[in-house]
C-alpha atoms as a PDB file:
ATOM      1  CA  MET A   1     151.755  -5.615 107.811  1.00  0.00           C
ATOM      2  CA  ILE A   2     148.495  -4.272 109.232  1.00  0.00           C
ATOM      3  CA  ILE A   3     150.236  -1.059 110.218  1.00  0.00           C
ATOM      4  CA  MET A   4     151.554  -0.572 106.680  1.00  0.00           C
ATOM      5  CA  MET A   5     148.090  -1.174 105.188  1.00  0.00           C
ATOM      6  CA  ASP A   6     146.543   1.378 107.561  1.00  0.00           C
ATOM      7  CA  LYS A   7     149.253   3.850 106.623  1.00  0.00           C
ATOM      8  CA  PHE A   8     148.597   3.409 102.929  1.00  0.00           C
ATOM      9  CA  SER A   9     144.814   3.689 103.512  1.00  0.00           C
ATOM     10  CA  ILE A  10     145.142   7.012 105.351  1.00  0.00           C
ATOM     11  CA  GLU A  11     147.537   8.398 102.758  1.00  0.00           C
ATOM     12  CA  ASP A  12     145.220   7.295  99.973  1.00  0.00           C
ATOM     13  CA  ALA A  13     142.188   8.901 101.650  1.00  0.00           C
ATOM     14  CA  LEU A  14     144.098  12.156 102.229  1.00  0.00           C
ATOM     15  CA  SER A  15     145.238  12.152  98.643  1.00  0.00           C
ATOM     16  CA  LYS A  16     141.705  11.718  97.355  1.00  0.00           C
ATOM     17  CA  LEU A  17     140.465  14.454  99.682  1.00  0.00           C
ATOM     18  CA  TRP A  18     143.156  16.823  98.507  1.00  0.00           C
ATOM     19  CA  ASP A  19     142.345  16.056  94.871  1.00  0.00           C
ATOM     20  CA  LYS A  20     138.679  16.738  95.582  1.00  0.00           C
ATOM     21  CA  LEU A  21     139.432  20.054  97.317  1.00  0.00           C
ATOM     22  CA  ASP A  22     141.780  20.973  94.508  1.00  0.00           C
ATOM     23  CA  GLY A  23     139.016  20.277  92.011  1.00  0.00           C
ATOM     24  CA  TRP A  24     136.559  22.400  93.967  1.00  0.00           C
ATOM     25  CA  LEU A  25     139.042  25.241  94.233  1.00  0.00           C
ATOM     26  CA  GLU A  26     139.678  25.089  90.505  1.00  0.00           C
ATOM     27  CA  ALA A  27     135.915  25.081  89.824  1.00  0.00           C
ATOM     28  CA  ILE A  28     135.428  28.083  92.132  1.00  0.00           C
ATOM     29  CA  ILE A  29     138.230  29.979  90.386  1.00  0.00           C
ATOM     30  CA  LEU A  30     136.753  29.187  86.986  1.00  0.00           C
ATOM     31  CA  ARG A  31     133.281  30.247  88.118  1.00  0.00           C
ATOM     32  CA  LEU A  32     134.478  33.262  90.121  1.00  0.00           C
ATOM     33  CA  PRO A  33     133.133  35.758  87.555  1.00  0.00           C
ATOM     34  CA  ASN A  34     129.732  34.000  87.639  1.00  0.00           C
ATOM     35  CA  ILE A  35     129.723  34.018  91.458  1.00  0.00           C
ATOM     36  CA  LEU A  36     130.538  37.724  91.583  1.00  0.00           C
ATOM     37  CA  LEU A  37     127.863  38.415  88.967  1.00  0.00           C
ATOM     38  CA  ALA A  38     125.303  36.382  90.951  1.00  0.00           C
ATOM     39  CA  ILE A  39     126.133  38.341  94.134  1.00  0.00           C
ATOM     40  CA  LEU A  40     125.853  41.578  92.177  1.00  0.00           C
ATOM     41  CA  ILE A  41     122.460  40.502  90.840  1.00  0.00           C
ATOM     42  CA  MET A  42     121.164  39.729  94.340  1.00  0.00           C
ATOM     43  CA  VAL A  43     122.421  43.051  95.771  1.00  0.00           C
ATOM     44  CA  ALA A  44     121.007  44.978  92.809  1.00  0.00           C
ATOM     45  CA  THR A  45     117.705  43.096  93.107  1.00  0.00           C
ATOM     46  CA  TYR A  46     117.420  44.038  96.767  1.00  0.00           C
ATOM     47  CA  PHE A  47     117.899  47.746  96.092  1.00  0.00           C
ATOM     48  CA  ILE A  48     115.583  47.598  93.072  1.00  0.00           C
ATOM     49  CA  ALA A  49     112.934  45.902  95.217  1.00  0.00           C
ATOM     50  CA  ARG A  50     113.261  48.635  97.864  1.00  0.00           C
ATOM     51  CA  GLY A  51     112.993  51.362  95.234  1.00  0.00           C
ATOM     52  CA  VAL A  52     109.968  49.777  93.583  1.00  0.00           C
ATOM     53  CA  LYS A  53     108.339  49.363  96.995  1.00  0.00           C
ATOM     54  CA  LYS A  54     108.740  53.084  97.733  1.00  0.00           C
ATOM     55  CA  LEU A  55     107.435  54.003  94.279  1.00  0.00           C
ATOM     56  CA  MET A  56     104.478  51.672  94.798  1.00  0.00           C
ATOM     57  CA  LEU A  57     103.636  53.333  98.098  1.00  0.00           C
ATOM     58  CA  LYS A  58     103.786  56.797  96.507  1.00  0.00           C
ATOM     59  CA  PHE A  59     101.722  55.616  93.548  1.00  0.00           C
ATOM     60  CA  LEU A  60      99.109  53.937  95.724  1.00  0.00           C
ATOM     61  CA  LEU A  61      98.887  56.878  98.120  1.00  0.00           C
ATOM     62  CA  GLY A  62      96.909  58.912  95.628  1.00  0.00           C
ATOM     63  CA  ARG A  63      94.724  56.054  94.424  1.00  0.00           C
ATOM     64  CA  ILE A  64      94.101  53.816  97.418  1.00  0.00           C
ATOM     65  CA  GLY A  65      93.252  55.566 100.652  1.00  0.00           C
ATOM     66  CA  GLN A  66      93.430  52.431 102.788  1.00  0.00           C
ATOM     67  CA  LYS A  67      96.935  52.179 104.253  1.00  0.00           C
ATOM     68  CA  SER A  68      96.659  48.444 104.987  1.00  0.00           C
ATOM     69  CA  ILE A  69      96.147  47.708 101.264  1.00  0.00           C
ATOM     70  CA  GLN A  70      99.137  49.905 100.391  1.00  0.00           C
ATOM     71  CA  ASP A  71     101.400  48.032 102.824  1.00  0.00           C
ATOM     72  CA  ILE A  72     100.281  44.557 101.721  1.00  0.00           C
ATOM     73  CA  MET A  73     100.673  45.285  98.003  1.00  0.00           C
ATOM     74  CA  ALA A  74     104.083  46.904  98.515  1.00  0.00           C
ATOM     75  CA  LYS A  75     105.306  43.868 100.504  1.00  0.00           C
ATOM     76  CA  ILE A  76     104.053  41.452  97.835  1.00  0.00           C
ATOM     77  CA  VAL A  77     105.885  43.374  95.088  1.00  0.00           C
ATOM     78  CA  PHE A  78     109.068  43.543  97.222  1.00  0.00           C
ATOM     79  CA  ILE A  79     109.121  39.784  97.875  1.00  0.00           C
ATOM     80  CA  SER A  80     108.266  38.948  94.243  1.00  0.00           C
ATOM     81  CA  ILE A  81     111.233  40.969  92.933  1.00  0.00           C
ATOM     82  CA  LEU A  82     113.579  39.274  95.428  1.00  0.00           C
ATOM     83  CA  ILE A  83     112.404  35.831  94.274  1.00  0.00           C
ATOM     84  CA  VAL A  84     112.997  36.774  90.614  1.00  0.00           C
ATOM     85  CA  GLY A  85     116.512  37.976  91.478  1.00  0.00           C
ATOM     86  CA  PHE A  86     117.246  34.730  93.335  1.00  0.00           C
ATOM     87  CA  PHE A  87     116.310  32.588  90.344  1.00  0.00           C
ATOM     88  CA  MET A  88     118.330  34.854  88.019  1.00  0.00           C
ATOM     89  CA  ALA A  89     121.370  34.374  90.266  1.00  0.00           C
ATOM     90  CA  LEU A  90     120.935  30.586  90.120  1.00  0.00           C
ATOM     91  CA  GLY A  91     120.748  30.794  86.334  1.00  0.00           C
ATOM     92  CA  VAL A  92     123.998  32.804  86.154  1.00  0.00           C
ATOM     93  CA  LEU A  93     125.694  30.170  88.321  1.00  0.00           C
ATOM     94  CA  GLU A  94     124.444  27.545  85.833  1.00  0.00           C
ATOM     95  CA  LEU A  95     122.758  25.679  88.622  1.00  0.00           C
ATOM     96  CA  ASN A  96     119.891  24.587  86.408  1.00  0.00           C
ATOM     97  CA  LYS A  97     119.642  21.207  88.100  1.00  0.00           C
ATOM     98  CA  VAL A  98     119.469  22.906  91.485  1.00  0.00           C
ATOM     99  CA  LEU A  99     116.786  25.223  90.135  1.00  0.00           C
ATOM    100  CA  THR A 100     114.793  22.267  88.824  1.00  0.00           C
ATOM    101  CA  SER A 101     115.168  20.450  92.139  1.00  0.00           C
ATOM    102  CA  ILE A 102     114.006  23.557  94.027  1.00  0.00           C
ATOM    103  CA  LEU A 103     110.919  23.903  91.871  1.00  0.00           C
ATOM    104  CA  ALA A 104     110.164  20.175  92.094  1.00  0.00           C
ATOM    105  CA  GLY A 105     110.582  20.101  95.844  1.00  0.00           C
ATOM    106  CA  ALA A 106     108.637  23.314  96.368  1.00  0.00           C
ATOM    107  CA  GLY A 107     105.336  21.495  95.896  1.00  0.00           C
ATOM    108  CA  VAL A 108     106.100  18.815  98.478  1.00  0.00           C
ATOM    109  CA  LEU A 109     107.659  21.304 100.876  1.00  0.00           C
ATOM    110  CA  GLY A 110     104.740  23.680 100.416  1.00  0.00           C
ATOM    111  CA  LEU A 111     102.269  20.904 101.250  1.00  0.00           C
ATOM    112  CA  ALA A 112     104.223  19.943 104.378  1.00  0.00           C
ATOM    113  CA  ILE A 113     104.525  23.552 105.509  1.00  0.00           C
ATOM    114  CA  GLY A 114     100.847  24.133 104.784  1.00  0.00           C
ATOM    115  CA  LEU A 115      99.831  21.238 107.023  1.00  0.00           C
ATOM    116  CA  ALA A 116     102.223  22.291 109.785  1.00  0.00           C
ATOM    117  CA  LEU A 117     101.329  25.973 109.684  1.00  0.00           C
ATOM    118  CA  GLN A 118      97.592  25.915 109.160  1.00  0.00           C
ATOM    119  CA  GLY A 119      97.031  28.568 111.828  1.00  0.00           C
ATOM    120  CA  THR A 120      99.720  30.867 110.423  1.00  0.00           C
ATOM    121  CA  LEU A 121      98.404  30.514 106.868  1.00  0.00           C
ATOM    122  CA  SER A 122      94.899  31.170 108.142  1.00  0.00           C
ATOM    123  CA  ASN A 123      96.152  34.388 109.752  1.00  0.00           C
ATOM    124  CA  THR A 124      97.914  35.367 106.507  1.00  0.00           C
ATOM    125  CA  VAL A 125      94.773  34.854 104.441  1.00  0.00           C
ATOM    126  CA  GLY A 126      92.827  36.746 107.102  1.00  0.00           C
ATOM    127  CA  GLY A 127      95.311  39.621 106.848  1.00  0.00           C
ATOM    128  CA  LEU A 128      94.820  39.803 103.083  1.00  0.00           C
ATOM    129  CA  VAL A 129      91.056  39.769 103.544  1.00  0.00           C
ATOM    130  CA  LEU A 130      91.178  42.517 106.185  1.00  0.00           C
ATOM    131  CA  SER A 131      93.503  44.650 104.080  1.00  0.00           C
ATOM    132  CA  PHE A 132      91.001  44.781 101.238  1.00  0.00           C
ATOM    133  CA  MET A 133      87.885  45.148 103.390  1.00  0.00           C
ATOM    134  CA  PRO A 134      86.339  48.608 102.931  1.00  0.00           C
ATOM    135  CA  LYS A 135      84.617  48.374 106.333  1.00  0.00           C
ATOM    136  CA  ILE A 136      87.815  48.562 108.368  1.00  0.00           C
ATOM    137  CA  ARG A 137      90.711  50.986 108.011  1.00  0.00           C
ATOM    138  CA  ILE A 138      93.700  52.234 109.955  1.00  0.00           C
ATOM    139  CA  ASN A 139      92.624  54.625 112.774  1.00  0.00           C
ATOM    140  CA  ASP A 140      89.020  53.336 112.753  1.00  0.00           C
ATOM    141  CA  TYR A 141      87.461  52.900 116.197  1.00  0.00           C
ATOM    142  CA  ILE A 142      86.101  49.347 116.451  1.00  0.00           C
ATOM    143  CA  GLU A 143      84.844  46.829 118.978  1.00  0.00           C
ATOM    144  CA  THR A 144      85.410  43.072 118.751  1.00  0.00           C
ATOM    145  CA  ASN A 145      85.374  40.295 121.344  1.00  0.00           C
ATOM    146  CA  GLU A 146      84.634  42.864 124.079  1.00  0.00           C
ATOM    147  CA  VAL A 147      87.751  44.855 123.089  1.00  0.00           C
ATOM    148  CA  LYS A 148      87.410  48.454 121.879  1.00  0.00           C
ATOM    149  CA  GLY A 149      90.155  50.524 120.317  1.00  0.00           C
ATOM    150  CA  PHE A 150      91.659  52.272 117.316  1.00  0.00           C
ATOM    151  CA  VAL A 151      93.109  50.134 114.523  1.00  0.00           C
ATOM    152  CA  SER A 152      96.835  50.911 114.572  1.00  0.00           C
ATOM    153  CA  GLU A 153      98.139  48.109 112.338  1.00  0.00           C
ATOM    154  CA  ILE A 154      96.888  45.356 110.022  1.00  0.00           C
ATOM    155  CA  SER A 155      99.630  42.839 109.234  1.00  0.00           C
ATOM    156  CA  LEU A 156      99.690  39.378 107.684  1.00  0.00           C
ATOM    157  CA  ARG A 157      99.517  37.837 111.164  1.00  0.00           C
ATOM    158  CA  ASN A 158      97.296  40.020 113.328  1.00  0.00           C
ATOM    159  CA  ILE A 159      95.412  43.242 113.807  1.00  0.00           C
ATOM    160  CA  THR A 160      96.586  45.624 116.545  1.00  0.00           C
ATOM    161  CA  LEU A 161      94.119  47.793 118.476  1.00  0.00           C
ATOM    162  CA  ARG A 162      95.126  50.793 120.581  1.00  0.00           C
ATOM    163  CA  ARG A 163      92.673  50.963 123.454  1.00  0.00           C
ATOM    164  CA  THR A 164      91.521  54.201 125.058  1.00  0.00           C
ATOM    165  CA  ASP A 165      93.802  53.514 128.047  1.00  0.00           C
ATOM    166  CA  ASN A 166      96.741  53.626 125.569  1.00  0.00           C
ATOM    167  CA  ASN A 167      97.425  49.901 125.882  1.00  0.00           C
ATOM    168  CA  TYR A 168      97.503  47.661 122.837  1.00  0.00           C
ATOM    169  CA  THR A 169      95.565  44.470 122.148  1.00  0.00           C
ATOM    170  CA  VAL A 170      96.786  42.118 119.407  1.00  0.00           C
ATOM    171  CA  VAL A 171      94.101  39.941 117.796  1.00  0.00           C
ATOM    172  CA  PRO A 172      95.066  37.101 115.383  1.00  0.00           C
ATOM    173  CA  ASN A 173      93.569  37.722 111.950  1.00  0.00           C
ATOM    174  CA  SER A 174      91.824  34.344 111.852  1.00  0.00           C
ATOM    175  CA  LYS A 175      90.036  35.073 115.151  1.00  0.00           C
ATOM    176  CA  PHE A 176      89.097  38.582 114.058  1.00  0.00           C
ATOM    177  CA  VAL A 177      87.667  37.471 110.695  1.00  0.00           C
ATOM    178  CA  GLU A 178      85.605  34.686 112.287  1.00  0.00           C
ATOM    179  CA  ASN A 179      83.878  37.000 114.783  1.00  0.00           C
ATOM    180  CA  ALA A 180      81.562  39.957 114.372  1.00  0.00           C
ATOM    181  CA  PHE A 181      82.912  43.450 114.967  1.00  0.00           C
ATOM    182  CA  THR A 182      81.442  46.949 115.207  1.00  0.00           C
ATOM    183  CA  ASN A 183      83.092  49.851 113.402  1.00  0.00           C
ATOM    184  CA  TYR A 184      82.036  53.133 115.007  1.00  0.00           C
ATOM    185  CA  SER A 185      83.967  55.200 112.463  1.00  0.00           C
ATOM    186  CA  ILE A 186      81.918  54.224 109.404  1.00  0.00           C
ATOM    187  CA  SER A 187      78.908  56.288 110.414  1.00  0.00           C
ATOM    188  CA  LYS A 188      79.540  59.743 111.857  1.00  0.00           C
ATOM    189  CA  ARG A 189      76.126  59.835 113.547  1.00  0.00           C
ATOM    190  CA  SER A 190      74.884  57.551 116.310  1.00  0.00           C
ATOM    191  CA  ARG A 191      71.857  57.455 118.567  1.00  0.00           C
ATOM    192  CA  ILE A 192      72.333  57.257 122.322  1.00  0.00           C
ATOM    193  CA  SER A 193      69.966  57.300 125.282  1.00  0.00           C
ATOM    194  CA  VAL A 194      69.671  58.616 128.825  1.00  0.00           C
ATOM    195  CA  SER A 195      67.372  57.179 131.470  1.00  0.00           C
ATOM    196  CA  CYS A 196      65.886  58.680 134.624  1.00  0.00           C
ATOM    197  CA  GLY A 197      62.825  58.545 136.867  1.00  0.00           C
ATOM    198  CA  VAL A 198      60.329  61.091 138.220  1.00  0.00           C
ATOM    199  CA  GLY A 199      58.019  61.023 141.217  1.00  0.00           C
ATOM    200  CA  TYR A 200      54.491  59.642 140.950  1.00  0.00           C
ATOM    201  CA  GLU A 201      53.101  63.087 141.712  1.00  0.00           C
ATOM    202  CA  SER A 202      54.763  64.585 138.579  1.00  0.00           C
ATOM    203  CA  ASN A 203      52.891  65.861 135.521  1.00  0.00           C
ATOM    204  CA  LEU A 204      54.107  63.301 132.989  1.00  0.00           C
ATOM    205  CA  GLN A 205      53.288  65.394 129.935  1.00  0.00           C
ATOM    206  CA  GLU A 206      55.269  68.289 131.368  1.00  0.00           C
ATOM    207  CA  VAL A 207      58.219  65.961 131.998  1.00  0.00           C
ATOM    208  CA  GLU A 208      58.088  64.632 128.432  1.00  0.00           C
ATOM    209  CA  ASP A 209      57.872  68.100 126.865  1.00  0.00           C
ATOM    210  CA  LEU A 210      60.660  69.478 129.059  1.00  0.00           C
ATOM    211  CA  VAL A 211      63.151  66.655 128.391  1.00  0.00           C
ATOM    212  CA  THR A 212      62.398  66.682 124.653  1.00  0.00           C
ATOM    213  CA  GLN A 213      62.938  70.449 124.527  1.00  0.00           C
ATOM    214  CA  ILE A 214      66.221  70.259 126.473  1.00  0.00           C
ATOM    215  CA  LEU A 215      67.709  67.603 124.192  1.00  0.00           C
ATOM    216  CA  THR A 216      66.482  69.210 120.975  1.00  0.00           C
ATOM    217  CA  GLU A 217      67.930  72.613 121.851  1.00  0.00           C
ATOM    218  CA  ASN A 218      71.312  71.328 123.013  1.00  0.00           C
ATOM    219  CA  PHE A 219      71.957  68.468 120.573  1.00  0.00           C
ATOM    220  CA  GLU A 220      71.506  69.152 116.863  1.00  0.00           C
ATOM    221  CA  GLN A 221      69.114  66.691 115.249  1.00  0.00           C
ATOM    222  CA  GLN A 222      69.626  66.486 111.492  1.00  0.00           C
ATOM    223  CA  HIS A 223      67.115  65.713 108.746  1.00  0.00           C
ATOM    224  CA  GLY A 224      65.306  62.469 109.495  1.00  0.00           C
ATOM    225  CA  GLU A 225      66.439  62.521 113.120  1.00  0.00           C
ATOM    226  CA  ALA A 226      64.453  63.472 116.206  1.00  0.00           C
ATOM    227  CA  VAL A 227      64.463  63.154 119.971  1.00  0.00           C
ATOM    228  CA  GLU A 228      62.403  60.185 121.119  1.00  0.00           C
ATOM    229  CA  PHE A 229      60.895  60.029 124.599  1.00  0.00           C
ATOM    230  CA  TYR A 230      59.326  56.959 126.245  1.00  0.00           C
ATOM    231  CA  PHE A 231      58.070  56.212 129.749  1.00  0.00           C
ATOM    232  CA  THR A 232      59.285  52.678 130.330  1.00  0.00           C
ATOM    233  CA  GLU A 233      57.857  51.374 133.632  1.00  0.00           C
ATOM    234  CA  PHE A 234      56.234  51.988 136.989  1.00  0.00           C
ATOM    235  CA  GLY A 235      59.242  51.594 139.254  1.00  0.00           C
ATOM    236  CA  ASP A 236      59.316  50.965 143.007  1.00  0.00           C
ATOM    237  CA  SER A 237      59.711  54.641 143.787  1.00  0.00           C
ATOM    238  CA  ALA A 238      59.496  56.421 140.424  1.00  0.00           C
ATOM    239  CA  ILE A 239      58.037  56.371 136.939  1.00  0.00           C
ATOM    240  CA  ASN A 240      61.050  55.661 134.771  1.00  0.00           C
ATOM    241  CA  PHE A 241      61.639  57.067 131.302  1.00  0.00           C
ATOM    242  CA  MET A 242      64.178  56.855 128.481  1.00  0.00           C
ATOM    243  CA  ALA A 243      65.066  59.573 125.944  1.00  0.00           C
ATOM    244  CA  ARG A 244      66.980  58.835 122.737  1.00  0.00           C
ATOM    245  CA  PHE A 245      68.785  61.416 120.604  1.00  0.00           C
ATOM    246  CA  TRP A 246      71.440  61.648 117.874  1.00  0.00           C
ATOM    247  CA  ILE A 247      75.024  62.914 118.208  1.00  0.00           C
ATOM    248  CA  ASP A 248      78.256  63.036 116.197  1.00  0.00           C
ATOM    249  CA  MET A 249      80.209  60.039 117.376  1.00  0.00           C
ATOM    250  CA  VAL A 250      83.229  58.029 116.229  1.00  0.00           C
ATOM    251  CA  LYS A 251      84.437  56.809 119.640  1.00  0.00           C
ATOM    252  CA  ASN A 252      83.083  56.177 123.122  1.00  0.00           C
ATOM    253  CA  LYS A 253      84.442  59.422 124.539  1.00  0.00           C
ATOM    254  CA  GLU A 254      81.797  61.384 122.623  1.00  0.00           C
ATOM    255  CA  VAL A 255      79.053  59.158 124.052  1.00  0.00           C
ATOM    256  CA  TYR A 256      80.229  59.753 127.614  1.00  0.00           C
ATOM    257  CA  ALA A 257      80.525  63.510 127.007  1.00  0.00           C
ATOM    258  CA  ALA A 258      77.019  63.747 125.501  1.00  0.00           C
ATOM    259  CA  LYS A 259      75.421  61.757 128.340  1.00  0.00           C
ATOM    260  CA  HIS A 260      77.322  63.854 130.880  1.00  0.00           C
ATOM    261  CA  LYS A 261      75.984  67.062 129.341  1.00  0.00           C
ATOM    262  CA  ALA A 262      72.415  65.743 128.980  1.00  0.00           C
ATOM    263  CA  ILE A 263      72.210  64.534 132.585  1.00  0.00           C
ATOM    264  CA  LYS A 264      73.440  67.875 133.953  1.00  0.00           C
ATOM    265  CA  LEU A 265      70.939  69.814 131.827  1.00  0.00           C
ATOM    266  CA  ILE A 266      67.988  67.584 132.776  1.00  0.00           C
ATOM    267  CA  LYS A 267      68.864  67.715 136.482  1.00  0.00           C
ATOM    268  CA  ALA A 268      69.175  71.522 136.412  1.00  0.00           C
ATOM    269  CA  GLN A 269      65.811  71.987 134.667  1.00  0.00           C
ATOM    270  CA  PHE A 270      64.066  69.475 136.939  1.00  0.00           C
ATOM    271  CA  ASP A 271      65.346  71.400 139.977  1.00  0.00           C
ATOM    272  CA  ALA A 272      64.168  74.684 138.466  1.00  0.00           C
ATOM    273  CA  LYS A 273      60.689  73.287 137.706  1.00  0.00           C
ATOM    274  CA  GLY A 274      60.359  71.474 141.028  1.00  0.00           C
ATOM    275  CA  ILE A 275      60.226  68.029 139.411  1.00  0.00           C
ATOM    276  CA  ASN A 276      61.295  65.375 141.877  1.00  0.00           C
ATOM    277  CA  ILE A 277      63.793  62.647 141.005  1.00  0.00           C
ATOM    278  CA  PRO A 278      63.085  60.143 143.782  1.00  0.00           C
ATOM    279  CA  PHE A 279      65.418  57.542 145.126  1.00  0.00           C
ATOM    280  CA  PRO A 280      64.567  54.314 146.986  1.00  0.00           C
ATOM    281  CA  ILE A 281      63.792  54.805 150.679  1.00  0.00           C
ATOM    282  CA  ARG A 282      63.550  51.979 153.220  1.00  0.00           C
ATOM    283  CA  THR A 283      61.231  52.655 156.157  1.00  0.00           C
ATOM    284  CA  LEU A 284      61.462  50.608 159.363  1.00  0.00           C
ATOM    285  CA  ASP A 285      58.261  50.625 161.422  1.00  0.00           C
ATOM    286  CA  PHE A 286      59.423  49.510 164.863  1.00  0.00           C
ATOM    287  CA  GLY A 287      55.955  49.774 166.422  1.00  0.00           C
ATOM    288  CA  LYS A 288      54.147  47.615 163.888  1.00  0.00           C
ATOM    289  CA  ASN A 289      56.824  44.959 163.666  1.00  0.00           C
ATOM    290  CA  LYS A 290      57.642  45.109 167.382  1.00  0.00           C
ATOM    291  CA  LEU A 291      61.336  45.482 166.753  1.00  0.00           C
ATOM    292  CA  GLN A 292      63.455  46.344 169.759  1.00  0.00           C
ATOM    293  CA  PHE A 293      67.107  46.973 170.341  1.00  0.00           C
ATOM    294  CA  GLU A 294      68.760  45.924 173.600  1.00  0.00           C
ATOM    295  CA  THR A 295      71.871  47.587 174.833  1.00  0.00           C
ATOM    296  CA  LYS A 296      73.837  45.938 177.583  1.00  0.00           C
ATOM    297  CA  ASP A 297      76.814  47.435 179.247  1.00  0.00           C
ATOM    298  CA  LYS A 298      79.376  44.925 180.308  1.00  0.00           C
ATOM    299  CA  ILE A 299      81.993  45.963 182.811  1.00  0.00           C
ATOM    300  CA  GLU A 300      84.944  43.758 183.355  1.00  0.00           C
END
């Protein structure tokens, strides 16, 4: 009796399952045109979004010089069109209840995702902020958190710097926005300095005039700019000085090249004029301090 009941139960369950599958198959066949139309809408939306993105980039190229803004705006338009196409496809499939449920659950899901991905959202907001900042652009030479390099990419997650050694440093947008940075590419002119020392027997006025003349003749000083010369201290073995002058500079290489040139010119002129550049000398007076060295030969 139990075996017969189990047999009828299994047959009944299989029958109900088959009826359910048959109903689904019939519904799919009836809605096949809608399904095909929904797929067509999604495919068409994708290609439309790609086309609009390319047109946006071409349109923005002539009006917005900052590439990061172009990329961000194009991505926003691309994603927005895809979302519109998705909702249109749901409407064609007559899944209005599903659409309502998606919109209703989006708020709760968005809150949960926002709490779970606070760091990621912070980076995204930072990326939007950086993209619209006029003080930083692609290919600018910047320094932040003791890292110097050229801005190669600004995305919604991070900013990528190409260092002078051709390695890349990736900085999260939230960290970059929170900290100060220096953009060497904003101003084409920068002031640098070289330091040196001369012997105590030197004619200080002659040294000042000579260094000022060397730098003025070899490094163009524009309107409002001038070479500045200062003696800074009485050193242990020299009177030290510092000279400041202006150069064209957008990266550190130009600073190194200008200092290299200035040092060679100053050294050559000091040699020609007999101006001494002293260096520290340590004198050991063995007689006064009664220092002696003992040498013992040991033969084994």
